[in-house]
Amino acid sequence: MQKSRLFGLLTAGLLAALSLSANAAQKDHFNVCWTIYAGWMPWEYAGSQGIVDKWAKKYGIKIDVTQLNDYVESINQYTAGQFDGCTMTNMDALTIPAAGGVESTALIVSDFSNGNDGIVLKGEGKKVADLKGMDVNLVELSVSHYLLARALDSVKLSEKDLKVVNTSDADISAAFNTDDVQAVTTWNPMLSDIKAKPGVTEVFNSSQIPGEIMDMMVVNTQTLKDNPALGKALTGAWFEVVALMNAKNAQSKAALEHMAKASGTDLAGFQAQLDTTKLFATPKEALEFATSKQLPDTQRKVR
């Protein structure tokens, strides 16, 4: 898995340039995409409830918010120029888009995974060391691949000690239901579904590497440079929804119930997923994380 060049991803402010180049121009209609994940469900709410429209109108533009069912495919389509922005993790931003020559900017560092990504084996009492010699199903060259590498490193194993089987996030839960699949690495909500099955063990999760897996809204750097209103509108919409989620009132509960249903679970299930997500409540909190003295050390591990 490519992990180089991640140190220095986040610079002052919420913006952080990644790599290479692309061409864009001033325009007034944009399209961003997202995939189902607890930390990205606010985009569904912001899009379906008119919050993105409100902020876009404020800046004289239009923004479509599109859900895609396959995580890697969403990044592929962003890289191909079909979307101006896309939700992805820090390490995934440095694989497909960078390799495709697309300069990208981390517009919003929304959270870091604090247990939302995990490795599950069939059987009780299993450990990371039990992965040796096994097939492990995951989205290849993604954040799941990175998590597996970190887990293996913790017990002095490497990828050569097992076999990775590329499986899309849309298919990972169904795959685990088959007899052939004994181990998977995935993220919520699929992770929660898999962990709920009897006779399984979660042997490693992202809470053991806090701050390393960051979730972001990534946008085309040149598009953002030519159209700063896009960044202002998306950032405004995002933090309005996050503030609503944290309001702890009837409207907040309704919003969380909406997100839970949209992600295929109930409020309790969704709240459990949020509990393993360190969601930054304010722009100030996100900025403090992005510019913290600890981040360079964390990012050296990712490299």
C-alpha atoms as a PDB file:
ATOM      1  CA  MET A   1       0.000   0.000   0.000  1.00  0.00           C
ATOM      2  CA  GLN A   2       1.309   3.464  -0.858  1.00  0.00           C
ATOM      3  CA  LYS A   3       1.782   5.440   2.347  1.00  0.00           C
ATOM      4  CA  SER A   4       4.450   7.972   1.322  1.00  0.00           C
ATOM      5  CA  ARG A   5       4.135  11.745   1.296  1.00  0.00           C
ATOM      6  CA  LEU A   6       1.450  11.879   3.957  1.00  0.00           C
ATOM      7  CA  PHE A   7       3.579  13.806   6.435  1.00  0.00           C
ATOM      8  CA  GLY A   8       2.723  17.431   5.935  1.00  0.00           C
ATOM      9  CA  LEU A   9      -0.792  16.673   4.695  1.00  0.00           C
ATOM     10  CA  LEU A  10      -2.378  19.175   7.033  1.00  0.00           C
ATOM     11  CA  THR A  11      -1.058  22.727   7.110  1.00  0.00           C
ATOM     12  CA  ALA A  12      -2.329  25.894   8.761  1.00  0.00           C
ATOM     13  CA  GLY A  13      -6.078  26.263   8.594  1.00  0.00           C
ATOM     14  CA  LEU A  14      -8.470  23.560   7.491  1.00  0.00           C
ATOM     15  CA  LEU A  15      -6.867  23.471   4.029  1.00  0.00           C
ATOM     16  CA  ALA A  16      -3.993  21.180   3.128  1.00  0.00           C
ATOM     17  CA  ALA A  17      -2.609  20.685  -0.378  1.00  0.00           C
ATOM     18  CA  LEU A  18      -1.761  17.124  -1.363  1.00  0.00           C
ATOM     19  CA  SER A  19       0.010  16.713  -4.719  1.00  0.00           C
ATOM     20  CA  LEU A  20       0.455  17.199  -8.472  1.00  0.00           C
ATOM     21  CA  SER A  21      -1.791  19.269 -10.752  1.00  0.00           C
ATOM     22  CA  ALA A  22      -5.144  19.618 -12.510  1.00  0.00           C
ATOM     23  CA  ASN A  23      -6.994  22.278 -14.447  1.00  0.00           C
ATOM     24  CA  ALA A  24     -10.236  23.968 -13.442  1.00  0.00           C
ATOM     25  CA  ALA A  25     -12.087  27.202 -14.066  1.00  0.00           C
ATOM     26  CA  GLN A  26     -14.558  29.514 -12.409  1.00  0.00           C
ATOM     27  CA  LYS A  27     -18.106  28.128 -12.401  1.00  0.00           C
ATOM     28  CA  ASP A  28     -21.287  28.187 -10.344  1.00  0.00           C
ATOM     29  CA  HIS A  29     -22.479  24.546 -10.299  1.00  0.00           C
ATOM     30  CA  PHE A  30     -20.612  21.859  -8.356  1.00  0.00           C
ATOM     31  CA  ASN A  31     -21.037  18.214  -7.426  1.00  0.00           C
ATOM     32  CA  VAL A  32     -19.563  16.428  -4.415  1.00  0.00           C
ATOM     33  CA  CYS A  33     -19.962  12.773  -3.486  1.00  0.00           C
ATOM     34  CA  TRP A  34     -19.950  10.715  -0.319  1.00  0.00           C
ATOM     35  CA  THR A  35     -20.341   7.093   0.761  1.00  0.00           C
ATOM     36  CA  ILE A  36     -22.025   5.599   3.798  1.00  0.00           C
ATOM     37  CA  TYR A  37     -19.906   5.854   6.936  1.00  0.00           C
ATOM     38  CA  ALA A  38     -20.890   7.155  10.366  1.00  0.00           C
ATOM     39  CA  GLY A  39     -18.587  10.148  10.118  1.00  0.00           C
ATOM     40  CA  TRP A  40     -19.944  11.155   6.714  1.00  0.00           C
ATOM     41  CA  MET A  41     -23.669  10.827   7.365  1.00  0.00           C
ATOM     42  CA  PRO A  42     -23.886  14.584   8.086  1.00  0.00           C
ATOM     43  CA  TRP A  43     -23.371  15.084   4.335  1.00  0.00           C
ATOM     44  CA  GLU A  44     -26.507  13.072   3.628  1.00  0.00           C
ATOM     45  CA  TYR A  45     -28.446  15.191   6.096  1.00  0.00           C
ATOM     46  CA  ALA A  46     -26.988  18.452   4.822  1.00  0.00           C
ATOM     47  CA  GLY A  47     -27.873  17.507   1.268  1.00  0.00           C
ATOM     48  CA  SER A  48     -31.354  16.078   1.803  1.00  0.00           C
ATOM     49  CA  GLN A  49     -32.500  18.730   4.284  1.00  0.00           C
ATOM     50  CA  GLY A  50     -31.553  21.733   2.171  1.00  0.00           C
ATOM     51  CA  ILE A  51     -28.670  22.902   4.335  1.00  0.00           C
ATOM     52  CA  VAL A  52     -26.137  22.675   1.516  1.00  0.00           C
ATOM     53  CA  ASP A  53     -28.599  24.471  -0.764  1.00  0.00           C
ATOM     54  CA  LYS A  54     -28.959  27.274   1.787  1.00  0.00           C
ATOM     55  CA  TRP A  55     -25.225  27.818   2.097  1.00  0.00           C
ATOM     56  CA  ALA A  56     -24.658  27.489  -1.641  1.00  0.00           C
ATOM     57  CA  LYS A  57     -27.340  30.099  -2.313  1.00  0.00           C
ATOM     58  CA  LYS A  58     -25.650  32.421   0.167  1.00  0.00           C
ATOM     59  CA  TYR A  59     -22.565  32.376  -2.038  1.00  0.00           C
ATOM     60  CA  GLY A  60     -24.413  32.426  -5.352  1.00  0.00           C
ATOM     61  CA  ILE A  61     -23.653  28.852  -6.392  1.00  0.00           C
ATOM     62  CA  LYS A  62     -25.331  25.429  -6.622  1.00  0.00           C
ATOM     63  CA  ILE A  63     -23.919  22.255  -5.055  1.00  0.00           C
ATOM     64  CA  ASP A  64     -25.263  18.761  -5.669  1.00  0.00           C
ATOM     65  CA  VAL A  65     -24.507  16.188  -2.956  1.00  0.00           C
ATOM     66  CA  THR A  66     -24.445  12.671  -4.419  1.00  0.00           C
ATOM     67  CA  GLN A  67     -24.303   9.353  -2.583  1.00  0.00           C
ATOM     68  CA  LEU A  68     -22.325   6.525  -4.198  1.00  0.00           C
ATOM     69  CA  ASN A  69     -22.475   2.938  -2.981  1.00  0.00           C
ATOM     70  CA  ASP A  70     -18.822   1.979  -3.506  1.00  0.00           C
ATOM     71  CA  TYR A  71     -16.082   3.832  -1.634  1.00  0.00           C
ATOM     72  CA  VAL A  72     -13.198   3.228  -4.051  1.00  0.00           C
ATOM     73  CA  GLU A  73     -15.444   3.924  -7.025  1.00  0.00           C
ATOM     74  CA  SER A  74     -16.349   7.285  -5.500  1.00  0.00           C
ATOM     75  CA  ILE A  75     -12.660   8.205  -5.353  1.00  0.00           C
ATOM     76  CA  ASN A  76     -12.168   6.919  -8.897  1.00  0.00           C
ATOM     77  CA  GLN A  77     -14.977   9.131 -10.158  1.00  0.00           C
ATOM     78  CA  TYR A  78     -13.594  12.127  -8.273  1.00  0.00           C
ATOM     79  CA  THR A  79     -10.176  11.472  -9.792  1.00  0.00           C
ATOM     80  CA  ALA A  80     -11.750  11.249 -13.250  1.00  0.00           C
ATOM     81  CA  GLY A  81     -13.251  14.714 -12.766  1.00  0.00           C
ATOM     82  CA  GLN A  82     -16.870  13.660 -12.377  1.00  0.00           C
ATOM     83  CA  PHE A  83     -17.003  15.265  -8.928  1.00  0.00           C
ATOM     84  CA  ASP A  84     -15.463  18.416  -7.509  1.00  0.00           C
ATOM     85  CA  GLY A  85     -15.177  16.910  -4.041  1.00  0.00           C
ATOM     86  CA  CYS A  86     -15.334  13.520  -2.361  1.00  0.00           C
ATOM     87  CA  THR A  87     -15.229  12.074   1.147  1.00  0.00           C
ATOM     88  CA  MET A  88     -12.136   9.961   1.819  1.00  0.00           C
ATOM     89  CA  THR A  89      -9.466   9.239   4.408  1.00  0.00           C
ATOM     90  CA  ASN A  90      -6.051  10.862   4.540  1.00  0.00           C
ATOM     91  CA  MET A  91      -4.159   7.830   3.219  1.00  0.00           C
ATOM     92  CA  ASP A  92      -6.664   7.176   0.432  1.00  0.00           C
ATOM     93  CA  ALA A  93      -6.289  10.763  -0.775  1.00  0.00           C
ATOM     94  CA  LEU A  94      -2.658   9.960  -1.475  1.00  0.00           C
ATOM     95  CA  THR A  95      -3.273   6.868  -3.559  1.00  0.00           C
ATOM     96  CA  ILE A  96      -5.841   7.151  -6.350  1.00  0.00           C
ATOM     97  CA  PRO A  97      -6.133  10.947  -6.812  1.00  0.00           C
ATOM     98  CA  ALA A  98      -2.412  11.585  -6.436  1.00  0.00           C
ATOM     99  CA  ALA A  99      -1.522   8.735  -8.784  1.00  0.00           C
ATOM    100  CA  GLY A 100      -4.050  10.115 -11.266  1.00  0.00           C
ATOM    101  CA  GLY A 101      -2.388  13.530 -11.259  1.00  0.00           C
ATOM    102  CA  VAL A 102      -5.178  15.306  -9.401  1.00  0.00           C
ATOM    103  CA  GLU A 103      -4.116  17.979  -6.942  1.00  0.00           C
ATOM    104  CA  SER A 104      -6.415  17.774  -3.961  1.00  0.00           C
ATOM    105  CA  THR A 105      -7.101  19.759  -0.816  1.00  0.00           C
ATOM    106  CA  ALA A 106      -8.386  18.507   2.532  1.00  0.00           C
ATOM    107  CA  LEU A 107     -11.100  21.127   2.894  1.00  0.00           C
ATOM    108  CA  ILE A 108     -12.637  19.676   6.063  1.00  0.00           C
ATOM    109  CA  VAL A 109     -10.887  17.307   8.452  1.00  0.00           C
ATOM    110  CA  SER A 110     -14.114  16.125   9.997  1.00  0.00           C
ATOM    111  CA  ASP A 111     -12.988  13.457  12.449  1.00  0.00           C
ATOM    112  CA  PHE A 112     -10.640  10.612  13.131  1.00  0.00           C
ATOM    113  CA  SER A 113     -11.619   6.999  13.498  1.00  0.00           C
ATOM    114  CA  ASN A 114     -11.503   5.886  17.122  1.00  0.00           C
ATOM    115  CA  GLY A 115     -12.803   2.351  16.738  1.00  0.00           C
ATOM    116  CA  ASN A 116     -14.861   2.805  13.570  1.00  0.00           C
ATOM    117  CA  ASP A 117     -12.457   0.590  11.589  1.00  0.00           C
ATOM    118  CA  GLY A 118     -11.653  -2.933  12.688  1.00  0.00           C
ATOM    119  CA  ILE A 119     -10.443  -6.440  11.893  1.00  0.00           C
ATOM    120  CA  VAL A 120     -12.814  -9.318  12.669  1.00  0.00           C
ATOM    121  CA  LEU A 121     -12.126 -13.051  12.625  1.00  0.00           C
ATOM    122  CA  LYS A 122     -14.555 -15.917  12.876  1.00  0.00           C
ATOM    123  CA  GLY A 123     -14.103 -17.809  16.123  1.00  0.00           C
ATOM    124  CA  GLU A 124     -13.958 -16.757  19.744  1.00  0.00           C
ATOM    125  CA  GLY A 125     -10.798 -15.702  21.554  1.00  0.00           C
ATOM    126  CA  LYS A 126      -8.879 -14.935  18.380  1.00  0.00           C
ATOM    127  CA  LYS A 127      -5.837 -12.641  18.252  1.00  0.00           C
ATOM    128  CA  VAL A 128      -4.008 -10.650  15.575  1.00  0.00           C
ATOM    129  CA  ALA A 129      -1.369 -13.393  15.414  1.00  0.00           C
ATOM    130  CA  ASP A 130      -4.080 -15.791  14.214  1.00  0.00           C
ATOM    131  CA  LEU A 131      -4.144 -13.903  10.904  1.00  0.00           C
ATOM    132  CA  LYS A 132      -0.951 -15.680   9.868  1.00  0.00           C
ATOM    133  CA  GLY A 133      -1.632 -17.899   6.871  1.00  0.00           C
ATOM    134  CA  MET A 134      -5.207 -16.649   6.452  1.00  0.00           C
ATOM    135  CA  ASP A 135      -7.048 -14.929   3.622  1.00  0.00           C
ATOM    136  CA  VAL A 136      -8.202 -11.466   4.720  1.00  0.00           C
ATOM    137  CA  ASN A 137     -10.980  -9.750   2.782  1.00  0.00           C
ATOM    138  CA  LEU A 138     -10.815  -5.953   2.555  1.00  0.00           C
ATOM    139  CA  VAL A 139     -10.912  -3.010   0.175  1.00  0.00           C
ATOM    140  CA  GLU A 140      -7.419  -3.269  -1.252  1.00  0.00           C
ATOM    141  CA  LEU A 141      -5.137  -0.199  -1.079  1.00  0.00           C
ATOM    142  CA  SER A 142      -7.622   1.572   1.167  1.00  0.00           C
ATOM    143  CA  VAL A 143      -7.735   2.630   4.793  1.00  0.00           C
ATOM    144  CA  SER A 144      -8.576  -1.007   5.636  1.00  0.00           C
ATOM    145  CA  HIS A 145      -5.322  -2.120   4.047  1.00  0.00           C
ATOM    146  CA  TYR A 146      -3.486   0.417   6.203  1.00  0.00           C
ATOM    147  CA  LEU A 147      -5.239  -0.783   9.365  1.00  0.00           C
ATOM    148  CA  LEU A 148      -4.253  -4.362   8.574  1.00  0.00           C
ATOM    149  CA  ALA A 149      -0.627  -3.312   8.093  1.00  0.00           C
ATOM    150  CA  ARG A 150      -0.615  -1.558  11.480  1.00  0.00           C
ATOM    151  CA  ALA A 151      -2.173  -4.590  13.168  1.00  0.00           C
ATOM    152  CA  LEU A 152       0.342  -6.982  11.642  1.00  0.00           C
ATOM    153  CA  ASP A 153       3.205  -4.722  12.630  1.00  0.00           C
ATOM    154  CA  SER A 154       2.021  -4.848  16.241  1.00  0.00           C
ATOM    155  CA  VAL A 155       2.769  -8.595  16.356  1.00  0.00           C
ATOM    156  CA  LYS A 156       5.823  -8.517  14.078  1.00  0.00           C
ATOM    157  CA  LEU A 157       3.997  -9.956  11.078  1.00  0.00           C
ATOM    158  CA  SER A 158       3.709  -8.501   7.578  1.00  0.00           C
ATOM    159  CA  GLU A 159       1.440  -8.834   4.574  1.00  0.00           C
ATOM    160  CA  LYS A 160       3.600 -11.626   3.177  1.00  0.00           C
ATOM    161  CA  ASP A 161       2.387 -13.742   6.102  1.00  0.00           C
ATOM    162  CA  LEU A 162      -1.178 -13.818   4.748  1.00  0.00           C
ATOM    163  CA  LYS A 163      -3.223 -13.245   1.591  1.00  0.00           C
ATOM    164  CA  VAL A 164      -5.274 -10.104   0.956  1.00  0.00           C
ATOM    165  CA  VAL A 165      -8.503 -10.648  -0.982  1.00  0.00           C
ATOM    166  CA  ASN A 166      -9.849  -7.471  -2.583  1.00  0.00           C
ATOM    167  CA  THR A 167     -13.525  -7.035  -1.676  1.00  0.00           C
ATOM    168  CA  SER A 168     -15.609  -3.891  -2.134  1.00  0.00           C
ATOM    169  CA  ASP A 169     -17.185  -2.252   0.886  1.00  0.00           C
ATOM    170  CA  ALA A 170     -20.593  -2.902  -0.689  1.00  0.00           C
ATOM    171  CA  ASP A 171     -19.895  -6.667  -0.664  1.00  0.00           C
ATOM    172  CA  ILE A 172     -17.894  -7.139   2.529  1.00  0.00           C
ATOM    173  CA  SER A 173     -20.806  -7.998   4.853  1.00  0.00           C
ATOM    174  CA  ALA A 174     -22.255 -10.553   2.450  1.00  0.00           C
ATOM    175  CA  ALA A 175     -18.815 -12.051   1.930  1.00  0.00           C
ATOM    176  CA  PHE A 176     -18.386 -12.588   5.665  1.00  0.00           C
ATOM    177  CA  ASN A 177     -21.593 -14.622   5.677  1.00  0.00           C
ATOM    178  CA  THR A 178     -19.992 -17.226   3.404  1.00  0.00           C
ATOM    179  CA  ASP A 179     -17.967 -20.188   4.652  1.00  0.00           C
ATOM    180  CA  ASP A 180     -14.969 -19.223   2.535  1.00  0.00           C
ATOM    181  CA  VAL A 181     -14.373 -15.903   4.305  1.00  0.00           C
ATOM    182  CA  GLN A 182     -12.828 -16.153   7.760  1.00  0.00           C
ATOM    183  CA  ALA A 183     -11.380 -12.675   8.316  1.00  0.00           C
ATOM    184  CA  VAL A 184     -12.287  -9.156   7.187  1.00  0.00           C
ATOM    185  CA  THR A 185     -11.073  -5.619   7.703  1.00  0.00           C
ATOM    186  CA  THR A 186     -13.752  -2.963   7.282  1.00  0.00           C
ATOM    187  CA  TRP A 187     -15.430   0.119   8.739  1.00  0.00           C
ATOM    188  CA  ASN A 188     -18.827   1.085  10.109  1.00  0.00           C
ATOM    189  CA  PRO A 189     -21.652   0.450   9.524  1.00  0.00           C
ATOM    190  CA  MET A 190     -20.473  -2.862   8.023  1.00  0.00           C
ATOM    191  CA  LEU A 191     -18.147  -3.425  10.975  1.00  0.00           C
ATOM    192  CA  SER A 192     -20.983  -3.171  13.491  1.00  0.00           C
ATOM    193  CA  ASP A 193     -23.087  -5.660  11.519  1.00  0.00           C
ATOM    194  CA  ILE A 194     -20.224  -8.139  11.338  1.00  0.00           C
ATOM    195  CA  LYS A 195     -19.271  -7.765  15.009  1.00  0.00           C
ATOM    196  CA  ALA A 196     -22.877  -8.484  15.990  1.00  0.00           C
ATOM    197  CA  LYS A 197     -22.680 -11.988  14.538  1.00  0.00           C
ATOM    198  CA  PRO A 198     -22.186 -14.814  17.056  1.00  0.00           C
ATOM    199  CA  GLY A 199     -18.811 -16.453  17.488  1.00  0.00           C
ATOM    200  CA  VAL A 200     -16.586 -13.694  16.108  1.00  0.00           C
ATOM    201  CA  THR A 201     -13.691 -11.673  17.537  1.00  0.00           C
ATOM    202  CA  GLU A 202     -12.584  -8.153  16.764  1.00  0.00           C
ATOM    203  CA  VAL A 203      -8.810  -8.496  17.084  1.00  0.00           C
ATOM    204  CA  PHE A 204      -7.774  -4.919  16.272  1.00  0.00           C
ATOM    205  CA  ASN A 205      -9.440  -1.565  15.699  1.00  0.00           C
ATOM    206  CA  SER A 206      -8.578   2.051  15.016  1.00  0.00           C
ATOM    207  CA  SER A 207      -8.827   3.082  18.672  1.00  0.00           C
ATOM    208  CA  GLN A 208      -5.433   1.395  19.022  1.00  0.00           C
ATOM    209  CA  ILE A 209      -3.934   3.894  16.559  1.00  0.00           C
ATOM    210  CA  PRO A 210      -5.772   7.102  17.565  1.00  0.00           C
ATOM    211  CA  GLY A 211      -5.563  10.038  15.205  1.00  0.00           C
ATOM    212  CA  GLU A 212      -4.000   8.094  12.341  1.00  0.00           C
ATOM    213  CA  ILE A 213      -7.125   7.491  10.244  1.00  0.00           C
ATOM    214  CA  MET A 214      -8.606  10.888   9.415  1.00  0.00           C
ATOM    215  CA  ASP A 215     -11.874  11.387   7.578  1.00  0.00           C
ATOM    216  CA  MET A 216     -12.087  14.343   5.240  1.00  0.00           C
ATOM    217  CA  MET A 217     -13.977  16.155   2.524  1.00  0.00           C
ATOM    218  CA  VAL A 218     -11.393  16.437  -0.232  1.00  0.00           C
ATOM    219  CA  VAL A 219     -11.836  18.871  -3.122  1.00  0.00           C
ATOM    220  CA  ASN A 220      -9.978  19.571  -6.341  1.00  0.00           C
ATOM    221  CA  THR A 221      -7.358  22.172  -5.448  1.00  0.00           C
ATOM    222  CA  GLN A 222      -7.603  24.176  -8.665  1.00  0.00           C
ATOM    223  CA  THR A 223     -11.401  24.169  -8.524  1.00  0.00           C
ATOM    224  CA  LEU A 224     -11.244  25.487  -4.971  1.00  0.00           C
ATOM    225  CA  LYS A 225      -8.668  28.115  -5.906  1.00  0.00           C
ATOM    226  CA  ASP A 226     -10.829  29.362  -8.775  1.00  0.00           C
ATOM    227  CA  ASN A 227     -14.050  29.061  -6.765  1.00  0.00           C
ATOM    228  CA  PRO A 228     -13.468  29.827  -3.076  1.00  0.00           C
ATOM    229  CA  ALA A 229     -17.235  30.052  -2.571  1.00  0.00           C
ATOM    230  CA  LEU A 230     -17.367  26.254  -2.872  1.00  0.00           C
ATOM    231  CA  GLY A 231     -15.162  25.832   0.183  1.00  0.00           C
ATOM    232  CA  LYS A 232     -17.055  28.438   2.184  1.00  0.00           C
ATOM    233  CA  ALA A 233     -20.437  26.874   1.422  1.00  0.00           C
ATOM    234  CA  LEU A 234     -19.363  23.297   2.166  1.00  0.00           C
ATOM    235  CA  THR A 235     -17.632  24.277   5.396  1.00  0.00           C
ATOM    236  CA  GLY A 236     -20.611  26.328   6.560  1.00  0.00           C
ATOM    237  CA  ALA A 237     -23.060  23.515   5.829  1.00  0.00           C
ATOM    238  CA  TRP A 238     -20.896  20.889   7.515  1.00  0.00           C
ATOM    239  CA  PHE A 239     -20.423  22.690  10.797  1.00  0.00           C
ATOM    240  CA  GLU A 240     -24.085  23.718  10.924  1.00  0.00           C
ATOM    241  CA  VAL A 241     -25.046  20.040  10.870  1.00  0.00           C
ATOM    242  CA  VAL A 242     -22.389  19.067  13.409  1.00  0.00           C
ATOM    243  CA  ALA A 243     -23.611  21.815  15.747  1.00  0.00           C
ATOM    244  CA  LEU A 244     -27.146  20.467  15.375  1.00  0.00           C
ATOM    245  CA  MET A 245     -25.964  16.942  16.193  1.00  0.00           C
ATOM    246  CA  ASN A 246     -24.406  18.202  19.416  1.00  0.00           C
ATOM    247  CA  ALA A 247     -27.353  20.381  20.480  1.00  0.00           C
ATOM    248  CA  LYS A 248     -28.971  17.587  22.526  1.00  0.00           C
ATOM    249  CA  ASN A 249     -32.544  18.698  21.915  1.00  0.00           C
ATOM    250  CA  ALA A 250     -35.557  17.375  20.026  1.00  0.00           C
ATOM    251  CA  GLN A 251     -34.283  18.706  16.705  1.00  0.00           C
ATOM    252  CA  SER A 252     -30.906  17.113  17.331  1.00  0.00           C
ATOM    253  CA  LYS A 253     -32.510  13.759  18.091  1.00  0.00           C
ATOM    254  CA  ALA A 254     -34.598  13.966  14.924  1.00  0.00           C
ATOM    255  CA  ALA A 255     -31.490  14.716  12.867  1.00  0.00           C
ATOM    256  CA  LEU A 256     -29.614  11.783  14.381  1.00  0.00           C
ATOM    257  CA  GLU A 257     -32.581   9.473  13.790  1.00  0.00           C
ATOM    258  CA  HIS A 258     -32.646  10.619  10.162  1.00  0.00           C
ATOM    259  CA  MET A 259     -28.935   9.843   9.739  1.00  0.00           C
ATOM    260  CA  ALA A 260     -29.343   6.493  11.462  1.00  0.00           C
ATOM    261  CA  LYS A 261     -32.132   5.456   9.099  1.00  0.00           C
ATOM    262  CA  ALA A 262     -30.177   6.661   6.065  1.00  0.00           C
ATOM    263  CA  SER A 263     -27.199   4.561   7.135  1.00  0.00           C
ATOM    264  CA  GLY A 264     -29.321   1.448   7.640  1.00  0.00           C
ATOM    265  CA  THR A 265     -29.503   1.275  11.426  1.00  0.00           C
ATOM    266  CA  ASP A 266     -31.470   2.678  14.359  1.00  0.00           C
ATOM    267  CA  LEU A 267     -30.578   5.565  16.650  1.00  0.00           C
ATOM    268  CA  ALA A 268     -28.858   3.344  19.208  1.00  0.00           C
ATOM    269  CA  GLY A 269     -26.797   1.667  16.518  1.00  0.00           C
ATOM    270  CA  PHE A 270     -25.822   4.959  14.934  1.00  0.00           C
ATOM    271  CA  GLN A 271     -24.929   6.489  18.288  1.00  0.00           C
ATOM    272  CA  ALA A 272     -22.692   3.501  18.994  1.00  0.00           C
ATOM    273  CA  GLN A 273     -20.873   4.211  15.733  1.00  0.00           C
ATOM    274  CA  LEU A 274     -20.536   7.904  16.584  1.00  0.00           C
ATOM    275  CA  ASP A 275     -19.058   6.890  19.930  1.00  0.00           C
ATOM    276  CA  THR A 276     -16.133   5.370  18.012  1.00  0.00           C
ATOM    277  CA  THR A 277     -15.731   8.501  15.891  1.00  0.00           C
ATOM    278  CA  LYS A 278     -13.868  11.535  17.204  1.00  0.00           C
ATOM    279  CA  LEU A 279     -16.043  14.089  15.405  1.00  0.00           C
ATOM    280  CA  PHE A 280     -14.701  17.634  15.629  1.00  0.00           C
ATOM    281  CA  ALA A 281     -17.537  19.793  16.934  1.00  0.00           C
ATOM    282  CA  THR A 282     -16.265  23.190  15.782  1.00  0.00           C
ATOM    283  CA  PRO A 283     -13.914  24.652  13.161  1.00  0.00           C
ATOM    284  CA  LYS A 284     -11.619  25.643  16.035  1.00  0.00           C
ATOM    285  CA  GLU A 285     -11.388  22.067  17.284  1.00  0.00           C
ATOM    286  CA  ALA A 286     -10.680  20.764  13.773  1.00  0.00           C
ATOM    287  CA  LEU A 287      -8.033  23.423  13.254  1.00  0.00           C
ATOM    288  CA  GLU A 288      -6.339  22.631  16.558  1.00  0.00           C
ATOM    289  CA  PHE A 289      -6.100  18.970  15.547  1.00  0.00           C
ATOM    290  CA  ALA A 290      -4.840  19.814  12.054  1.00  0.00           C
ATOM    291  CA  THR A 291      -2.084  22.047  13.421  1.00  0.00           C
ATOM    292  CA  SER A 292      -1.230  20.117  16.591  1.00  0.00           C
ATOM    293  CA  LYS A 293       2.370  19.362  17.499  1.00  0.00           C
ATOM    294  CA  GLN A 294       1.483  15.667  17.763  1.00  0.00           C
ATOM    295  CA  LEU A 295       0.250  15.376  14.183  1.00  0.00           C
ATOM    296  CA  PRO A 296       3.668  15.209  12.468  1.00  0.00           C
ATOM    297  CA  ASP A 297       4.666  12.288  14.702  1.00  0.00           C
ATOM    298  CA  THR A 298       1.386  10.552  13.942  1.00  0.00           C
ATOM    299  CA  GLN A 299       1.826  11.122  10.234  1.00  0.00           C
ATOM    300  CA  ARG A 300       5.321   9.650  10.238  1.00  0.00           C
ATOM    301  CA  LYS A 301       3.697   6.357  11.227  1.00  0.00           C
ATOM    302  CA  VAL A 302       1.319   6.657   8.290  1.00  0.00           C
ATOM    303  CA  ARG A 303       4.217   7.279   5.916  1.00  0.00           C
END
